[in-house]
C-alpha atoms as a PDB file:
ATOM      1  CA  MET A   1     -23.727  11.420   7.340  1.00  0.00           C
ATOM      2  CA  THR A   2     -26.134  10.633   4.743  1.00  0.00           C
ATOM      3  CA  ALA A   3     -25.738   8.094   2.039  1.00  0.00           C
ATOM      4  CA  PRO A   4     -25.206   9.174  -1.795  1.00  0.00           C
ATOM      5  CA  PRO A   5     -28.034   9.226  -4.053  1.00  0.00           C
ATOM      6  CA  ALA A   6     -28.731   5.878  -5.636  1.00  0.00           C
ATOM      7  CA  THR A   7     -28.636   7.727  -8.864  1.00  0.00           C
ATOM      8  CA  SER A   8     -25.150   8.856  -8.222  1.00  0.00           C
ATOM      9  CA  ALA A   9     -24.176   5.091  -7.229  1.00  0.00           C
ATOM     10  CA  TYR A  10     -25.627   4.453 -10.642  1.00  0.00           C
ATOM     11  CA  THR A  11     -23.759   6.925 -12.874  1.00  0.00           C
ATOM     12  CA  ALA A  12     -20.568   5.803 -11.231  1.00  0.00           C
ATOM     13  CA  SER A  13     -21.103   2.148 -11.904  1.00  0.00           C
ATOM     14  CA  THR A  14     -22.268   3.396 -15.174  1.00  0.00           C
ATOM     15  CA  THR A  15     -18.890   5.144 -16.001  1.00  0.00           C
ATOM     16  CA  ILE A  16     -16.540   2.554 -14.703  1.00  0.00           C
ATOM     17  CA  SER A  17     -18.508   0.049 -16.744  1.00  0.00           C
ATOM     18  CA  SER A  18     -18.201   2.426 -20.020  1.00  0.00           C
ATOM     19  CA  THR A  19     -14.397   2.955 -19.121  1.00  0.00           C
ATOM     20  CA  ASN A  20     -13.991  -0.762 -18.978  1.00  0.00           C
ATOM     21  CA  GLN A  21     -15.629  -1.284 -22.636  1.00  0.00           C
ATOM     22  CA  ALA A  22     -13.668   1.498 -23.685  1.00  0.00           C
ATOM     23  CA  ASN A  23     -10.138   0.039 -22.882  1.00  0.00           C
ATOM     24  CA  THR A  24     -11.252  -3.714 -23.567  1.00  0.00           C
ATOM     25  CA  PRO A  25     -11.785  -4.231 -27.211  1.00  0.00           C
ATOM     26  CA  PRO A  26     -14.319  -6.434 -28.590  1.00  0.00           C
ATOM     27  CA  ALA A  27     -13.982 -10.483 -28.454  1.00  0.00           C
ATOM     28  CA  ASP A  28     -12.733 -10.394 -32.150  1.00  0.00           C
ATOM     29  CA  ASP A  29     -10.434  -7.556 -31.861  1.00  0.00           C
ATOM     30  CA  HIS A  30      -9.041  -8.649 -28.774  1.00  0.00           C
ATOM     31  CA  PHE A  31      -8.030 -11.943 -30.075  1.00  0.00           C
ATOM     32  CA  LEU A  32      -6.406 -10.175 -33.120  1.00  0.00           C
ATOM     33  CA  TYR A  33      -4.541  -7.727 -30.734  1.00  0.00           C
ATOM     34  CA  LEU A  34      -3.094 -10.441 -28.624  1.00  0.00           C
ATOM     35  CA  SER A  35      -2.221 -12.271 -31.970  1.00  0.00           C
ATOM     36  CA  ALA A  36      -0.650  -9.267 -33.017  1.00  0.00           C
ATOM     37  CA  LYS A  37       1.187  -9.172 -29.949  1.00  0.00           C
ATOM     38  CA  ASP A  38       2.560 -12.470 -29.879  1.00  0.00           C
ATOM     39  CA  SER A  39       3.744 -11.833 -33.289  1.00  0.00           C
ATOM     40  CA  HIS A  40       5.477  -8.838 -32.162  1.00  0.00           C
ATOM     41  CA  ILE A  41       7.139 -10.724 -29.109  1.00  0.00           C
ATOM     42  CA  THR A  42       8.399 -13.653 -31.632  1.00  0.00           C
ATOM     43  CA  ALA A  43       9.659 -11.400 -34.044  1.00  0.00           C
ATOM     44  CA  GLU A  44      12.038  -9.663 -31.138  1.00  0.00           C
ATOM     45  CA  ILE A  45      13.015 -13.214 -29.965  1.00  0.00           C
ATOM     46  CA  LYS A  46      13.816 -14.105 -33.870  1.00  0.00           C
ATOM     47  CA  ALA A  47      15.602 -11.051 -34.236  1.00  0.00           C
ATOM     48  CA  ASN A  48      17.577 -11.408 -31.089  1.00  0.00           C
ATOM     49  CA  ASN A  49      18.322 -15.112 -32.060  1.00  0.00           C
ATOM     50  CA  GLU A  50      19.763 -13.515 -35.227  1.00  0.00           C
ATOM     51  CA  GLN A  51      21.870 -11.245 -33.605  1.00  0.00           C
ATOM     52  CA  ARG A  52      23.226 -14.052 -31.009  1.00  0.00           C
ATOM     53  CA  GLU A  53      23.827 -16.366 -34.332  1.00  0.00           C
ATOM     54  CA  ILE A  54      25.789 -13.716 -35.846  1.00  0.00           C
ATOM     55  CA  PHE A  55      27.747 -12.834 -32.746  1.00  0.00           C
ATOM     56  CA  LEU A  56      28.245 -16.226 -32.283  1.00  0.00           C
ATOM     57  CA  ARG A  57      29.206 -16.784 -35.920  1.00  0.00           C
ATOM     58  CA  GLN A  58      31.923 -13.925 -35.741  1.00  0.00           C
ATOM     59  CA  ARG A  59      33.536 -15.270 -32.690  1.00  0.00           C
ATOM     60  CA  LEU A  60      33.889 -18.808 -34.030  1.00  0.00           C
ATOM     61  CA  GLN A  61      35.379 -17.167 -37.164  1.00  0.00           C
ATOM     62  CA  GLU A  62      38.151 -15.034 -34.817  1.00  0.00           C
ATOM     63  CA  LYS A  63      38.688 -18.040 -33.140  1.00  0.00           C
ATOM     64  CA  GLN A  64      39.522 -20.227 -36.416  1.00  0.00           C
ATOM     65  CA  HIS A  65      41.617 -17.280 -37.143  1.00  0.00           C
ATOM     66  CA  GLN A  66      43.576 -17.507 -34.027  1.00  0.00           C
ATOM     67  CA  GLN A  67      44.018 -21.005 -34.852  1.00  0.00           C
ATOM     68  CA  LYS A  68      45.071 -20.609 -38.180  1.00  0.00           C
ATOM     69  CA  MET A  69      47.532 -17.790 -37.182  1.00  0.00           C
ATOM     70  CA  GLN A  70      49.071 -20.281 -34.566  1.00  0.00           C
ATOM     71  CA  ALA A  71      49.084 -23.130 -36.775  1.00  0.00           C
ATOM     72  CA  ASP A  72      50.995 -21.045 -39.808  1.00  0.00           C
ATOM     73  CA  ARG A  73      53.305 -19.654 -36.877  1.00  0.00           C
ATOM     74  CA  TYR A  74      54.286 -22.937 -35.689  1.00  0.00           C
ATOM     75  CA  ILE A  75      54.742 -23.880 -39.397  1.00  0.00           C
ATOM     76  CA  TYR A  76      56.884 -20.935 -40.037  1.00  0.00           C
ATOM     77  CA  ASN A  77      59.016 -21.322 -37.206  1.00  0.00           C
ATOM     78  CA  TYR A  78      59.482 -24.880 -36.522  1.00  0.00           C
ATOM     79  CA  VAL A  79      59.157 -26.134 -40.237  1.00  0.00           C
ATOM     80  CA  ASN A  80      60.905 -23.838 -42.161  1.00  0.00           C
ATOM     81  CA  HIS A  81      63.119 -22.601 -39.939  1.00  0.00           C
ATOM     82  CA  LYS A  82      65.320 -25.561 -39.589  1.00  0.00           C
ATOM     83  CA  PRO A  83      67.070 -25.369 -36.118  1.00  0.00           C
ATOM     84  CA  ASP A  84      70.124 -27.607 -37.255  1.00  0.00           C
ATOM     85  CA  GLU A  85      70.903 -25.725 -40.369  1.00  0.00           C
ATOM     86  CA  VAL A  86      71.107 -22.510 -38.180  1.00  0.00           C
ATOM     87  CA  ALA A  87      73.299 -23.772 -35.828  1.00  0.00           C
ATOM     88  CA  LEU A  88      75.372 -24.936 -38.696  1.00  0.00           C
ATOM     89  CA  HIS A  89      75.391 -21.882 -40.626  1.00  0.00           C
ATOM     90  CA  SER A  90      76.063 -19.883 -37.519  1.00  0.00           C
ATOM     91  CA  PHE A  91      79.231 -22.021 -36.975  1.00  0.00           C
ATOM     92  CA  ILE A  92      80.673 -21.640 -40.356  1.00  0.00           C
ATOM     93  CA  LEU A  93      80.318 -17.566 -40.155  1.00  0.00           C
ATOM     94  CA  GLY A  94      81.782 -17.623 -36.622  1.00  0.00           C
ATOM     95  CA  ILE A  95      84.927 -19.771 -38.048  1.00  0.00           C
ATOM     96  CA  LEU A  96      85.376 -17.499 -41.049  1.00  0.00           C
ATOM     97  CA  VAL A  97      85.100 -14.482 -38.942  1.00  0.00           C
ATOM     98  CA  ALA A  98      87.591 -15.878 -36.730  1.00  0.00           C
ATOM     99  CA  LEU A  99      90.084 -17.246 -39.382  1.00  0.00           C
ATOM    100  CA  SER A 100      90.026 -13.877 -41.053  1.00  0.00           C
ATOM    101  CA  VAL A 101      90.444 -11.730 -38.413  1.00  0.00           C
ATOM    102  CA  VAL A 102      93.762 -13.795 -37.390  1.00  0.00           C
ATOM    103  CA  ALA A 103      94.901 -13.634 -41.121  1.00  0.00           C
ATOM    104  CA  ALA A 104      94.508 -10.153 -41.111  1.00  0.00           C
ATOM    105  CA  ALA A 105      96.258  -9.405 -38.144  1.00  0.00           C
ATOM    106  CA  ARG A 106      99.440 -11.439 -39.474  1.00  0.00           C
ATOM    107  CA  LEU A 107      99.287  -9.845 -42.626  1.00  0.00           C
ATOM    108  CA  MET A 108      99.053  -6.395 -41.093  1.00  0.00           C
ATOM    109  CA  ASN A 109     102.294  -7.288 -39.417  1.00  0.00           C
ATOM    110  CA  ASP A 110     103.838  -8.292 -42.222  1.00  0.00           C
ATOM    111  CA  GLY A 111     103.164  -5.241 -44.336  1.00  0.00           C
ATOM    112  CA  SER A 112     100.965  -7.398 -46.756  1.00  0.00           C
ATOM    113  CA  TYR A 113      97.538  -6.996 -48.272  1.00  0.00           C
ATOM    114  CA  TYR A 114      95.424  -7.746 -44.987  1.00  0.00           C
ATOM    115  CA  GLN A 115      92.336  -6.175 -46.726  1.00  0.00           C
ATOM    116  CA  LEU A 116      91.471  -9.410 -48.501  1.00  0.00           C
ATOM    117  CA  PRO A 117      90.848 -11.281 -45.101  1.00  0.00           C
ATOM    118  CA  GLY A 118      89.199  -8.281 -43.486  1.00  0.00           C
ATOM    119  CA  TYR A 119      86.692  -8.344 -46.641  1.00  0.00           C
ATOM    120  CA  VAL A 120      85.917 -12.028 -45.587  1.00  0.00           C
ATOM    121  CA  ALA A 121      85.423 -11.148 -42.264  1.00  0.00           C
ATOM    122  CA  SER A 122      83.143  -8.475 -43.139  1.00  0.00           C
ATOM    123  CA  LEU A 123      81.119 -10.571 -45.589  1.00  0.00           C
ATOM    124  CA  ALA A 124      80.460 -13.215 -42.849  1.00  0.00           C
ATOM    125  CA  ALA A 125      79.841 -10.632 -39.676  1.00  0.00           C
ATOM    126  CA  PHE A 126      77.087  -9.152 -42.480  1.00  0.00           C
ATOM    127  CA  HIS A 127      75.288 -12.079 -43.086  1.00  0.00           C
ATOM    128  CA  PHE A 128      75.346 -13.409 -39.266  1.00  0.00           C
ATOM    129  CA  LEU A 129      74.280  -9.961 -38.476  1.00  0.00           C
ATOM    130  CA  GLU A 130      71.026 -10.077 -40.545  1.00  0.00           C
ATOM    131  CA  TYR A 131      70.124 -13.322 -38.970  1.00  0.00           C
ATOM    132  CA  TRP A 132      70.804 -12.621 -35.447  1.00  0.00           C
ATOM    133  CA  ILE A 133      69.166  -9.075 -35.592  1.00  0.00           C
ATOM    134  CA  THR A 134      66.223 -10.597 -37.327  1.00  0.00           C
ATOM    135  CA  ALA A 135      65.993 -13.234 -34.612  1.00  0.00           C
ATOM    136  CA  ARG A 136      66.409 -10.810 -31.653  1.00  0.00           C
ATOM    137  CA  TYR A 137      64.276  -8.200 -32.392  1.00  0.00           C
ATOM    138  CA  ASN A 138      61.787  -9.637 -35.016  1.00  0.00           C
ATOM    139  CA  PRO A 139      61.535 -13.465 -33.803  1.00  0.00           C
ATOM    140  CA  THR A 140      57.914 -14.021 -35.634  1.00  0.00           C
ATOM    141  CA  LYS A 141      59.655 -13.449 -39.245  1.00  0.00           C
ATOM    142  CA  VAL A 142      62.995 -14.865 -38.644  1.00  0.00           C
ATOM    143  CA  THR A 143      63.852 -17.897 -41.050  1.00  0.00           C
ATOM    144  CA  ILE A 144      66.668 -19.758 -42.271  1.00  0.00           C
ATOM    145  CA  ASP A 145      66.479 -17.487 -45.095  1.00  0.00           C
ATOM    146  CA  SER A 146      67.453 -14.412 -42.713  1.00  0.00           C
ATOM    147  CA  PHE A 147      70.862 -15.101 -43.757  1.00  0.00           C
ATOM    148  CA  LEU A 148      70.394 -13.832 -46.837  1.00  0.00           C
ATOM    149  CA  PHE A 149      72.422 -16.490 -48.474  1.00  0.00           C
ATOM    150  CA  ARG A 150      69.745 -17.083 -51.039  1.00  0.00           C
ATOM    151  CA  ASN A 151      70.541 -13.324 -51.736  1.00  0.00           C
ATOM    152  CA  GLY A 152      70.028 -14.008 -55.688  1.00  0.00           C
ATOM    153  CA  SER A 153      72.581 -14.752 -58.126  1.00  0.00           C
ATOM    154  CA  SER A 154      73.959 -11.390 -58.827  1.00  0.00           C
ATOM    155  CA  TYR A 155      74.859 -10.870 -55.262  1.00  0.00           C
ATOM    156  CA  PHE A 156      77.392 -13.589 -55.256  1.00  0.00           C
ATOM    157  CA  ILE A 157      78.389 -12.828 -58.855  1.00  0.00           C
ATOM    158  CA  ALA A 158      79.307  -9.484 -57.383  1.00  0.00           C
ATOM    159  CA  HIS A 159      81.147 -10.627 -54.709  1.00  0.00           C
ATOM    160  CA  SER A 160      82.887 -13.244 -56.530  1.00  0.00           C
ATOM    161  CA  CYS A 161      84.075 -10.690 -58.865  1.00  0.00           C
ATOM    162  CA  ALA A 162      85.144  -8.387 -56.213  1.00  0.00           C
ATOM    163  CA  LEU A 163      87.380 -11.271 -54.960  1.00  0.00           C
ATOM    164  CA  VAL A 164      88.639 -11.975 -58.102  1.00  0.00           C
ATOM    165  CA  GLU A 165      89.830  -8.468 -58.788  1.00  0.00           C
ATOM    166  CA  ALA A 166      91.521  -8.256 -55.572  1.00  0.00           C
ATOM    167  CA  THR A 167      93.408 -11.355 -55.802  1.00  0.00           C
ATOM    168  CA  ILE A 168      94.644 -10.596 -59.442  1.00  0.00           C
ATOM    169  CA  GLU A 169      95.496  -6.769 -58.669  1.00  0.00           C
ATOM    170  CA  TRP A 170      97.272  -8.088 -55.668  1.00  0.00           C
ATOM    171  CA  ALA A 171      99.332 -10.565 -57.715  1.00  0.00           C
ATOM    172  CA  PHE A 172     100.110  -8.465 -60.679  1.00  0.00           C
ATOM    173  CA  PHE A 173      99.515  -4.939 -60.005  1.00  0.00           C
ATOM    174  CA  GLY A 174     100.627  -4.556 -56.084  1.00  0.00           C
ATOM    175  CA  SER A 175     100.941  -0.946 -56.322  1.00  0.00           C
ATOM    176  CA  LEU A 176      97.195  -0.650 -56.669  1.00  0.00           C
ATOM    177  CA  LYS A 177      97.101  -1.980 -53.199  1.00  0.00           C
ATOM    178  CA  THR A 178      98.973   0.867 -51.520  1.00  0.00           C
ATOM    179  CA  HIS A 179      96.555   3.358 -51.477  1.00  0.00           C
ATOM    180  CA  THR A 180      96.016   3.610 -47.511  1.00  0.00           C
ATOM    181  CA  ILE A 181      93.661   6.387 -47.457  1.00  0.00           C
ATOM    182  CA  VAL A 182      91.421   5.130 -49.814  1.00  0.00           C
ATOM    183  CA  SER A 183      91.288   2.125 -47.668  1.00  0.00           C
ATOM    184  CA  VAL A 184      91.049   3.730 -44.510  1.00  0.00           C
ATOM    185  CA  ILE A 185      87.858   5.678 -46.121  1.00  0.00           C
ATOM    186  CA  GLY A 186      86.623   2.175 -47.376  1.00  0.00           C
ATOM    187  CA  PHE A 187      86.619   0.517 -43.711  1.00  0.00           C
ATOM    188  CA  ALA A 188      84.891   3.747 -42.188  1.00  0.00           C
ATOM    189  CA  LEU A 189      82.130   3.378 -44.777  1.00  0.00           C
ATOM    190  CA  MET A 190      81.951  -0.286 -43.933  1.00  0.00           C
ATOM    191  CA  VAL A 191      81.671   0.362 -40.417  1.00  0.00           C
ATOM    192  CA  PHE A 192      78.959   3.450 -40.765  1.00  0.00           C
ATOM    193  CA  GLY A 193      77.001   1.240 -43.169  1.00  0.00           C
ATOM    194  CA  GLN A 194      76.880  -1.680 -41.117  1.00  0.00           C
ATOM    195  CA  ILE A 195      76.006   0.052 -37.889  1.00  0.00           C
ATOM    196  CA  LEU A 196      72.893   2.163 -39.662  1.00  0.00           C
ATOM    197  CA  ARG A 197      71.624  -0.969 -41.378  1.00  0.00           C
ATOM    198  CA  SER A 198      71.868  -2.840 -37.926  1.00  0.00           C
ATOM    199  CA  MET A 199      70.298   0.202 -36.063  1.00  0.00           C
ATOM    200  CA  ALA A 200      67.302   0.530 -38.787  1.00  0.00           C
ATOM    201  CA  MET A 201      66.240  -3.546 -38.323  1.00  0.00           C
ATOM    202  CA  ILE A 202      66.509  -2.861 -34.522  1.00  0.00           C
ATOM    203  CA  HIS A 203      64.507   0.176 -34.653  1.00  0.00           C
ATOM    204  CA  ALA A 204      61.949  -0.999 -37.249  1.00  0.00           C
ATOM    205  CA  SER A 205      61.523  -4.202 -35.404  1.00  0.00           C
ATOM    206  CA  SER A 206      58.550  -5.919 -36.369  1.00  0.00           C
ATOM    207  CA  ASN A 207      58.182  -3.601 -39.563  1.00  0.00           C
ATOM    208  CA  PHE A 208      61.168  -4.785 -40.879  1.00  0.00           C
ATOM    209  CA  SER A 209      61.242  -7.541 -43.592  1.00  0.00           C
ATOM    210  CA  HIS A 210      63.685  -8.654 -45.992  1.00  0.00           C
ATOM    211  CA  LEU A 211      61.178  -9.105 -48.609  1.00  0.00           C
ATOM    212  CA  ILE A 212      58.673  -6.292 -49.972  1.00  0.00           C
ATOM    213  CA  VAL A 213      55.308  -6.698 -48.178  1.00  0.00           C
ATOM    214  CA  HIS A 214      52.209  -6.169 -50.403  1.00  0.00           C
ATOM    215  CA  ARG A 215      49.391  -5.879 -47.796  1.00  0.00           C
ATOM    216  CA  LYS A 216      49.359  -3.986 -44.659  1.00  0.00           C
ATOM    217  CA  GLU A 217      48.686  -5.924 -41.673  1.00  0.00           C
ATOM    218  CA  ASP A 218      47.103  -4.475 -38.549  1.00  0.00           C
ATOM    219  CA  SER A 219      50.731  -4.762 -36.572  1.00  0.00           C
ATOM    220  CA  HIS A 220      52.247  -2.435 -39.436  1.00  0.00           C
ATOM    221  CA  HIS A 221      53.059   1.381 -38.498  1.00  0.00           C
ATOM    222  CA  LEU A 222      54.933   4.005 -40.131  1.00  0.00           C
ATOM    223  CA  VAL A 223      58.566   4.575 -38.439  1.00  0.00           C
ATOM    224  CA  THR A 224      59.614   8.130 -38.574  1.00  0.00           C
ATOM    225  CA  THR A 225      61.874   8.202 -35.379  1.00  0.00           C
ATOM    226  CA  GLY A 226      65.654   7.082 -34.733  1.00  0.00           C
ATOM    227  CA  VAL A 227      67.835   6.852 -37.588  1.00  0.00           C
ATOM    228  CA  TYR A 228      64.266   6.993 -39.943  1.00  0.00           C
ATOM    229  CA  SER A 229      64.242  10.440 -39.175  1.00  0.00           C
ATOM    230  CA  PHE A 230      66.702  11.474 -41.342  1.00  0.00           C
ATOM    231  CA  THR A 231      66.508   9.191 -43.960  1.00  0.00           C
ATOM    232  CA  ARG A 232      63.439   7.267 -45.409  1.00  0.00           C
ATOM    233  CA  HIS A 233      65.103   4.098 -45.961  1.00  0.00           C
ATOM    234  CA  PRO A 234      68.280   3.829 -43.735  1.00  0.00           C
ATOM    235  CA  SER A 235      68.811  -0.256 -44.228  1.00  0.00           C
ATOM    236  CA  TYR A 236      69.221   0.779 -48.101  1.00  0.00           C
ATOM    237  CA  LEU A 237      71.158   3.640 -47.163  1.00  0.00           C
ATOM    238  CA  GLY A 238      73.398   1.470 -44.705  1.00  0.00           C
ATOM    239  CA  TYR A 239      74.009  -1.381 -46.893  1.00  0.00           C
ATOM    240  CA  PHE A 240      74.858   0.904 -49.775  1.00  0.00           C
ATOM    241  CA  TRP A 241      77.761   2.419 -48.433  1.00  0.00           C
ATOM    242  CA  TRP A 242      78.731  -0.755 -46.774  1.00  0.00           C
ATOM    243  CA  ALA A 243      79.135  -2.599 -50.277  1.00  0.00           C
ATOM    244  CA  ILE A 244      80.577   0.265 -51.696  1.00  0.00           C
ATOM    245  CA  GLY A 245      82.791   0.660 -48.591  1.00  0.00           C
ATOM    246  CA  THR A 246      83.924  -3.027 -49.090  1.00  0.00           C
ATOM    247  CA  GLN A 247      85.438  -2.376 -52.570  1.00  0.00           C
ATOM    248  CA  LEU A 248      87.424   1.035 -51.425  1.00  0.00           C
ATOM    249  CA  PHE A 249      88.635  -1.042 -48.548  1.00  0.00           C
ATOM    250  CA  LEU A 250      90.066  -3.341 -50.884  1.00  0.00           C
ATOM    251  CA  MET A 251      91.223  -0.753 -53.113  1.00  0.00           C
ATOM    252  CA  ASN A 252      89.457  -2.210 -56.013  1.00  0.00           C
ATOM    253  CA  PRO A 253      88.848   0.482 -58.514  1.00  0.00           C
ATOM    254  CA  VAL A 254      86.942  -1.569 -60.956  1.00  0.00           C
ATOM    255  CA  ALA A 255      84.491  -2.829 -58.692  1.00  0.00           C
ATOM    256  CA  SER A 256      84.240   0.019 -56.797  1.00  0.00           C
ATOM    257  CA  PHE A 257      82.898   1.678 -59.766  1.00  0.00           C
ATOM    258  CA  GLY A 258      80.630  -1.311 -60.695  1.00  0.00           C
ATOM    259  CA  PHE A 259      78.922  -1.325 -56.936  1.00  0.00           C
ATOM    260  CA  ALA A 260      78.027   1.968 -57.158  1.00  0.00           C
ATOM    261  CA  ILE A 261      76.150   1.911 -60.468  1.00  0.00           C
ATOM    262  CA  VAL A 262      74.662  -1.351 -59.936  1.00  0.00           C
ATOM    263  CA  LEU A 263      73.249  -0.691 -56.220  1.00  0.00           C
ATOM    264  CA  TRP A 264      72.167   2.736 -57.526  1.00  0.00           C
ATOM    265  CA  ARG A 265      70.311   1.543 -60.422  1.00  0.00           C
ATOM    266  CA  PHE A 266      68.889  -1.446 -57.569  1.00  0.00           C
ATOM    267  CA  PHE A 267      67.526   0.829 -55.032  1.00  0.00           C
ATOM    268  CA  ASN A 268      66.290   3.482 -57.358  1.00  0.00           C
ATOM    269  CA  ASN A 269      63.902   1.078 -58.859  1.00  0.00           C
ATOM    270  CA  ARG A 270      63.453  -0.924 -55.343  1.00  0.00           C
ATOM    271  CA  ILE A 271      62.311   2.388 -53.505  1.00  0.00           C
ATOM    272  CA  GLN A 272      60.343   3.491 -56.186  1.00  0.00           C
ATOM    273  CA  TYR A 273      58.345   0.620 -56.469  1.00  0.00           C
ATOM    274  CA  GLU A 274      58.165   0.066 -52.521  1.00  0.00           C
ATOM    275  CA  GLU A 275      56.999   3.561 -52.118  1.00  0.00           C
ATOM    276  CA  LYS A 276      53.911   2.970 -54.025  1.00  0.00           C
ATOM    277  CA  LEU A 277      53.074   0.559 -51.605  1.00  0.00           C
ATOM    278  CA  LEU A 278      53.623   2.773 -48.404  1.00  0.00           C
ATOM    279  CA  ILE A 279      51.728   5.332 -49.807  1.00  0.00           C
ATOM    280  CA  GLU A 280      48.898   3.030 -50.034  1.00  0.00           C
ATOM    281  CA  PHE A 281      49.157   1.611 -46.790  1.00  0.00           C
ATOM    282  CA  PHE A 282      49.841   4.984 -45.092  1.00  0.00           C
ATOM    283  CA  GLY A 283      48.474   7.638 -47.358  1.00  0.00           C
ATOM    284  CA  ASP A 284      49.191  11.243 -46.934  1.00  0.00           C
ATOM    285  CA  LYS A 285      50.899  10.593 -43.764  1.00  0.00           C
ATOM    286  CA  TYR A 286      53.516   8.966 -45.493  1.00  0.00           C
ATOM    287  CA  LEU A 287      53.765  11.746 -48.342  1.00  0.00           C
ATOM    288  CA  GLU A 288      54.152  14.215 -45.407  1.00  0.00           C
ATOM    289  CA  TYR A 289      56.832  11.893 -44.376  1.00  0.00           C
ATOM    290  CA  LYS A 290      58.433  11.669 -47.698  1.00  0.00           C
ATOM    291  CA  LYS A 291      58.431  15.324 -48.168  1.00  0.00           C
ATOM    292  CA  SER A 292      60.229  16.123 -44.894  1.00  0.00           C
ATOM    293  CA  THR A 293      62.916  13.348 -45.317  1.00  0.00           C
ATOM    294  CA  GLY A 294      65.293  12.271 -47.998  1.00  0.00           C
ATOM    295  CA  THR A 295      66.743   9.272 -48.744  1.00  0.00           C
ATOM    296  CA  LEU A 296      70.790  10.524 -48.687  1.00  0.00           C
ATOM    297  CA  ILE A 297      71.680   8.001 -51.472  1.00  0.00           C
ATOM    298  CA  PRO A 298      73.113  10.250 -54.148  1.00  0.00           C
ATOM    299  CA  LEU A 299      70.391  11.288 -56.936  1.00  0.00           C
ATOM    300  CA  ILE A 300      67.974   9.042 -55.246  1.00  0.00           C
ATOM    301  CA  LYS A 301      64.948  11.794 -53.815  1.00  0.00           C
END
């Protein structure tokens, strides 16, 4: 086997040298190339650091938000809740219910006007259930105000007038309090209204609030099942018929008419205002629900 000619070796050497020179930039260009490469690496490191900084800042903000929510919940549940007042209110309402039921039973046996203490028992039970159901099914929003004792001056004036009318008519116009059928219808409406309102609060759970909510939270969702499948506002419908039922139960002609007018105006305005917010919260989804489901309150679509 003969060695390759010298010229071939020289040619190969020259080719390799030319290739290396072609791939390797001149000294100045090589320095610039390395500098550009270092700058690119530095930019990548800087970008990564910025992204990491943004990520850490977001995590910090989330943690601070969670801490604030926990602090707010602590203040909400323990400072504003006032467990001693809750116990006292519950005790007083329990005594009222017990005494009223006993008084109503005795008056019924005597054939007297048992509806008056029965009405007081219904009122006390209503306020207790407002708190208890909220505490049981929506504990993050329960406060001392969930008893609804601070329900506005109009509320107390209305029920005070009802008691005054019942007492005066019983004392001076006893014949007005002998319409048993009217009283039975009123009692049935009271029971129906209370059950419907309580079921609405239970079924809505954390979505229920005694106050109108003006900002949608992540936990809010549109409830369209259960009692909400046949009426958009079952809690309002329940209270409407419960309140009118109490006056029919008392056989109060003036208060029955007055309650119907006042409650209709109140719920008509409230529903219109509240549904504007619900449309903002849920958009077309609520509009479709509104088209297919009525309020069942007379003359309120």
